[in-house]
Every structure is written in structure tokens, then in C-alpha cells.
Amino acid sequence: MVPLIGAANRDPARHPDPDRLDVAGRDGASISFGSGAHVCIGALLTRIEAEITFRQVLQRWPHLRLADGSPQWADNPAYRGLTALDVVTG
């Protein structure tokens, strides 16, 4: 068995729309940073950085939206990530 981190939080049996980005959070059961004794030591810093970054981006471009077209995903079975995500700023 090979666990793939790219599949984390994307179980369609748990999440009705696993491909949709939900910045408000899902059901609170995210496994991205672990939990309990195994929680990621950098989780709090990452959340703070993300909050600051998203706030600044949305203040700079208040009408930011996805452009027509589909996101382009990296061809890597171990890690799920984007290679391109076109947006419109105005």
C-alpha cells in the first residue's frame, strides 16, 4: 500500500464535492496538518500566513475571479498541485 497525500481530504464518501475549494472549511475533520500528538508543528504558522496572504490578495484585487478554462494539475501521483490557475483581476 502507498498512501498518497494528494488524496487527503478528497474522499467523496466524506465530502460531497471534493474538487471544490471551500475556504470556509469542511466539516472540521481535515487531515492536512494531522491532529492530537501528531499535529504538524508548523500548522499554526501556515494558517496565519495563508490568512494574511488571502486578505492581501483580496484587498488588492477585490473582483478577483477564476478565468474561463480549467485548472492545470501537476502530473504527480504523490502530491496534488496546480501548475496553472488562470484568474481575472478586474
N, C-alpha and C. Protein backbone atom coordinates (compact mmCIF):
# COMPACT_ATOMS: atom_id res chain seq x y z
N MET A 1 0.83 -1.15 0.00
CA MET A 1 0.00 0.00 0.00
C MET A 1 0.90 1.24 0.00
N VAL A 2 0.49 2.23 -0.80
CA VAL A 2 1.20 3.51 -0.85
C VAL A 2 0.19 4.62 -0.58
N PRO A 3 0.26 5.23 0.60
CA PRO A 3 -0.67 6.35 0.86
C PRO A 3 -0.23 7.57 0.06
N LEU A 4 -1.19 8.23 -0.56
CA LEU A 4 -0.88 9.41 -1.36
C LEU A 4 -1.45 10.65 -0.70
N ILE A 5 -0.58 11.58 -0.34
CA ILE A 5 -1.02 12.79 0.33
C ILE A 5 -1.94 13.63 -0.57
N GLY A 6 -1.78 13.49 -1.88
CA GLY A 6 -2.63 14.23 -2.80
C GLY A 6 -4.09 13.84 -2.71
N ALA A 7 -4.39 12.70 -2.11
CA ALA A 7 -5.77 12.25 -1.96
C ALA A 7 -6.38 12.69 -0.63
N ALA A 8 -5.59 13.30 0.24
CA ALA A 8 -6.08 13.72 1.55
C ALA A 8 -7.24 14.70 1.42
N ASN A 9 -8.24 14.52 2.23
CA ASN A 9 -9.41 15.40 2.28
C ASN A 9 -10.22 15.40 0.98
N ARG A 10 -10.09 14.37 0.18
CA ARG A 10 -10.79 14.33 -1.09
C ARG A 10 -11.65 13.07 -1.23
N ASP A 11 -11.99 12.45 -0.14
CA ASP A 11 -12.81 11.25 -0.17
C ASP A 11 -14.25 11.62 -0.48
N PRO A 12 -14.79 11.21 -1.65
CA PRO A 12 -16.15 11.58 -2.00
C PRO A 12 -17.20 10.97 -1.05
N ALA A 13 -16.83 9.96 -0.30
CA ALA A 13 -17.77 9.40 0.68
C ALA A 13 -17.92 10.34 1.87
N ARG A 14 -16.92 11.17 2.13
CA ARG A 14 -16.97 12.13 3.25
C ARG A 14 -17.31 13.53 2.82
N HIS A 15 -16.87 13.90 1.61
CA HIS A 15 -17.03 15.27 1.12
C HIS A 15 -17.86 15.24 -0.16
N PRO A 16 -19.04 15.85 -0.16
CA PRO A 16 -19.93 15.77 -1.31
C PRO A 16 -19.34 16.35 -2.60
N ASP A 17 -18.45 17.33 -2.50
CA ASP A 17 -17.84 17.93 -3.68
C ASP A 17 -16.34 18.08 -3.43
N PRO A 18 -15.58 16.98 -3.48
CA PRO A 18 -14.18 17.01 -3.07
C PRO A 18 -13.27 17.87 -3.94
N ASP A 19 -13.70 18.22 -5.16
CA ASP A 19 -12.86 19.03 -6.04
C ASP A 19 -13.08 20.53 -5.85
N ARG A 20 -14.06 20.92 -5.04
CA ARG A 20 -14.36 22.34 -4.84
C ARG A 20 -13.52 22.88 -3.67
N LEU A 21 -12.89 24.02 -3.91
CA LEU A 21 -12.14 24.68 -2.84
C LEU A 21 -13.13 25.38 -1.92
N ASP A 22 -13.14 24.99 -0.67
CA ASP A 22 -14.04 25.57 0.32
C ASP A 22 -13.19 26.24 1.39
N VAL A 23 -12.96 27.55 1.24
CA VAL A 23 -12.08 28.24 2.17
C VAL A 23 -12.70 28.41 3.55
N ALA A 24 -14.01 28.21 3.66
CA ALA A 24 -14.67 28.31 4.96
C ALA A 24 -14.47 27.04 5.77
N GLY A 25 -13.89 26.05 5.17
CA GLY A 25 -13.66 24.79 5.88
C GLY A 25 -14.72 23.77 5.55
N ARG A 26 -14.40 22.56 5.77
CA ARG A 26 -15.34 21.48 5.50
C ARG A 26 -16.05 21.15 6.80
N ASP A 27 -15.97 19.95 7.25
CA ASP A 27 -16.67 19.56 8.47
C ASP A 27 -15.76 19.57 9.69
N GLY A 28 -14.62 20.21 9.58
CA GLY A 28 -13.68 20.29 10.70
C GLY A 28 -12.81 19.07 10.84
N ALA A 29 -12.92 18.12 9.93
CA ALA A 29 -12.16 16.88 10.04
C ALA A 29 -11.03 16.81 9.02
N SER A 30 -10.43 17.93 8.71
CA SER A 30 -9.32 17.96 7.78
C SER A 30 -8.13 17.20 8.35
N ILE A 31 -7.46 16.44 7.49
CA ILE A 31 -6.28 15.71 7.95
C ILE A 31 -4.99 16.34 7.44
N SER A 32 -5.08 17.54 6.88
CA SER A 32 -3.91 18.19 6.28
C SER A 32 -2.77 18.40 7.25
N PHE A 33 -3.06 18.75 8.47
CA PHE A 33 -2.00 19.03 9.44
C PHE A 33 -1.94 18.00 10.56
N GLY A 34 -2.62 16.90 10.40
CA GLY A 34 -2.63 15.89 11.44
C GLY A 34 -3.48 16.35 12.62
N SER A 35 -3.39 15.63 13.70
CA SER A 35 -4.16 16.01 14.89
C SER A 35 -3.55 15.36 16.12
N GLY A 36 -3.97 15.86 17.26
CA GLY A 36 -3.51 15.29 18.53
C GLY A 36 -2.00 15.37 18.67
N ALA A 37 -1.42 14.28 19.11
CA ALA A 37 0.03 14.23 19.33
C ALA A 37 0.80 14.32 18.01
N HIS A 38 0.12 14.10 16.90
CA HIS A 38 0.79 14.08 15.60
C HIS A 38 0.51 15.33 14.78
N VAL A 39 0.05 16.39 15.42
CA VAL A 39 -0.24 17.62 14.69
C VAL A 39 1.06 18.24 14.18
N CYS A 40 0.99 18.83 13.01
CA CYS A 40 2.15 19.48 12.40
C CYS A 40 2.60 20.67 13.24
N ILE A 41 3.87 20.75 13.54
CA ILE A 41 4.38 21.83 14.38
C ILE A 41 4.25 23.19 13.68
N GLY A 42 4.20 23.20 12.36
CA GLY A 42 4.09 24.45 11.61
C GLY A 42 2.67 24.80 11.20
N ALA A 43 1.68 24.06 11.67
CA ALA A 43 0.29 24.27 11.23
C ALA A 43 -0.21 25.67 11.56
N LEU A 44 0.03 26.15 12.75
CA LEU A 44 -0.46 27.47 13.13
C LEU A 44 0.18 28.56 12.28
N LEU A 45 1.49 28.47 12.08
CA LEU A 45 2.19 29.45 11.24
C LEU A 45 1.64 29.43 9.82
N THR A 46 1.40 28.25 9.28
CA THR A 46 0.86 28.13 7.93
C THR A 46 -0.51 28.77 7.83
N ARG A 47 -1.35 28.55 8.80
CA ARG A 47 -2.70 29.15 8.79
C ARG A 47 -2.62 30.67 8.88
N ILE A 48 -1.73 31.18 9.70
CA ILE A 48 -1.56 32.64 9.82
C ILE A 48 -1.05 33.22 8.50
N GLU A 49 -0.06 32.57 7.90
CA GLU A 49 0.46 33.04 6.62
C GLU A 49 -0.61 33.03 5.54
N ALA A 50 -1.41 31.97 5.50
CA ALA A 50 -2.48 31.88 4.50
C ALA A 50 -3.52 32.97 4.71
N GLU A 51 -3.90 33.22 5.95
CA GLU A 51 -4.88 34.27 6.23
C GLU A 51 -4.37 35.64 5.78
N ILE A 52 -3.13 35.94 6.09
CA ILE A 52 -2.54 37.23 5.69
C ILE A 52 -2.47 37.33 4.17
N THR A 53 -2.00 36.28 3.54
CA THR A 53 -1.86 36.29 2.08
C THR A 53 -3.20 36.47 1.38
N PHE A 54 -4.20 35.66 1.77
CA PHE A 54 -5.51 35.78 1.12
C PHE A 54 -6.13 37.15 1.38
N ARG A 55 -5.98 37.68 2.57
CA ARG A 55 -6.52 39.01 2.87
C ARG A 55 -5.88 40.06 1.97
N GLN A 56 -4.56 40.02 1.83
CA GLN A 56 -3.85 40.99 1.00
C GLN A 56 -4.24 40.86 -0.48
N VAL A 57 -4.31 39.64 -0.97
CA VAL A 57 -4.69 39.41 -2.37
C VAL A 57 -6.10 39.95 -2.63
N LEU A 58 -7.04 39.67 -1.74
CA LEU A 58 -8.41 40.11 -1.95
C LEU A 58 -8.57 41.61 -1.76
N GLN A 59 -7.75 42.23 -0.94
CA GLN A 59 -7.78 43.69 -0.82
C GLN A 59 -7.21 44.33 -2.09
N ARG A 60 -6.17 43.72 -2.63
CA ARG A 60 -5.53 44.27 -3.84
C ARG A 60 -6.42 44.08 -5.06
N TRP A 61 -7.06 42.92 -5.17
CA TRP A 61 -7.92 42.60 -6.30
C TRP A 61 -9.29 42.16 -5.79
N PRO A 62 -10.16 43.10 -5.41
CA PRO A 62 -11.45 42.74 -4.82
C PRO A 62 -12.39 42.01 -5.77
N HIS A 63 -12.15 42.11 -7.06
CA HIS A 63 -13.02 41.45 -8.04
C HIS A 63 -12.36 40.22 -8.64
N LEU A 64 -11.39 39.68 -7.96
CA LEU A 64 -10.66 38.50 -8.42
C LEU A 64 -11.63 37.35 -8.64
N ARG A 65 -11.49 36.69 -9.79
CA ARG A 65 -12.33 35.53 -10.09
C ARG A 65 -11.57 34.60 -11.03
N LEU A 66 -12.04 33.37 -11.10
CA LEU A 66 -11.42 32.41 -12.00
C LEU A 66 -11.73 32.78 -13.44
N ALA A 67 -10.74 32.63 -14.31
CA ALA A 67 -10.94 32.86 -15.73
C ALA A 67 -11.60 31.63 -16.33
N ASP A 68 -12.10 31.79 -17.55
CA ASP A 68 -12.65 30.63 -18.26
C ASP A 68 -11.53 29.62 -18.49
N GLY A 69 -11.88 28.39 -18.49
CA GLY A 69 -10.88 27.35 -18.67
C GLY A 69 -10.76 26.50 -17.42
N SER A 70 -9.96 25.51 -17.52
CA SER A 70 -9.80 24.57 -16.41
C SER A 70 -8.43 24.74 -15.75
N PRO A 71 -8.36 24.49 -14.46
CA PRO A 71 -7.06 24.48 -13.80
C PRO A 71 -6.18 23.39 -14.40
N GLN A 72 -4.90 23.60 -14.41
CA GLN A 72 -3.96 22.59 -14.90
C GLN A 72 -3.25 21.99 -13.70
N TRP A 73 -3.38 20.68 -13.56
CA TRP A 73 -2.83 19.99 -12.41
C TRP A 73 -1.49 19.35 -12.75
N ALA A 74 -0.60 19.31 -11.79
CA ALA A 74 0.70 18.66 -11.95
C ALA A 74 0.48 17.17 -12.14
N ASP A 75 1.30 16.58 -12.96
CA ASP A 75 1.21 15.15 -13.22
C ASP A 75 2.13 14.42 -12.25
N ASN A 76 1.69 14.37 -10.99
CA ASN A 76 2.50 13.75 -9.95
C ASN A 76 1.56 12.96 -9.04
N PRO A 77 1.66 11.65 -9.03
CA PRO A 77 0.74 10.86 -8.22
C PRO A 77 0.92 11.02 -6.71
N ALA A 78 2.05 11.52 -6.27
CA ALA A 78 2.30 11.63 -4.83
C ALA A 78 1.77 12.94 -4.24
N TYR A 79 1.83 14.01 -5.00
CA TYR A 79 1.39 15.32 -4.49
C TYR A 79 0.43 15.97 -5.47
N ARG A 80 -0.67 16.46 -4.96
CA ARG A 80 -1.66 17.14 -5.80
C ARG A 80 -1.33 18.62 -5.78
N GLY A 81 -1.18 19.21 -6.95
CA GLY A 81 -0.87 20.64 -7.01
C GLY A 81 -1.15 21.19 -8.38
N LEU A 82 -1.32 22.49 -8.44
CA LEU A 82 -1.59 23.17 -9.69
C LEU A 82 -0.30 23.59 -10.38
N THR A 83 -0.32 23.54 -11.70
CA THR A 83 0.76 24.14 -12.48
C THR A 83 0.29 25.45 -13.07
N ALA A 84 -1.04 25.61 -13.22
CA ALA A 84 -1.60 26.87 -13.73
C ALA A 84 -3.04 27.03 -13.26
N LEU A 85 -3.38 28.25 -12.88
CA LEU A 85 -4.75 28.60 -12.49
C LEU A 85 -4.98 30.03 -12.95
N ASP A 86 -5.65 30.17 -14.08
CA ASP A 86 -5.87 31.49 -14.67
C ASP A 86 -6.96 32.24 -13.93
N VAL A 87 -6.68 33.51 -13.62
CA VAL A 87 -7.64 34.36 -12.92
C VAL A 87 -7.77 35.69 -13.66
N VAL A 88 -8.88 36.38 -13.38
CA VAL A 88 -9.13 37.71 -13.91
C VAL A 88 -9.12 38.65 -12.70
N THR A 89 -8.38 39.75 -12.79
CA THR A 89 -8.25 40.64 -11.64
C THR A 89 -9.21 41.82 -11.66
N GLY A 90 -9.85 42.09 -12.78
CA GLY A 90 -10.71 43.27 -12.85
C GLY A 90 -12.11 42.98 -13.26
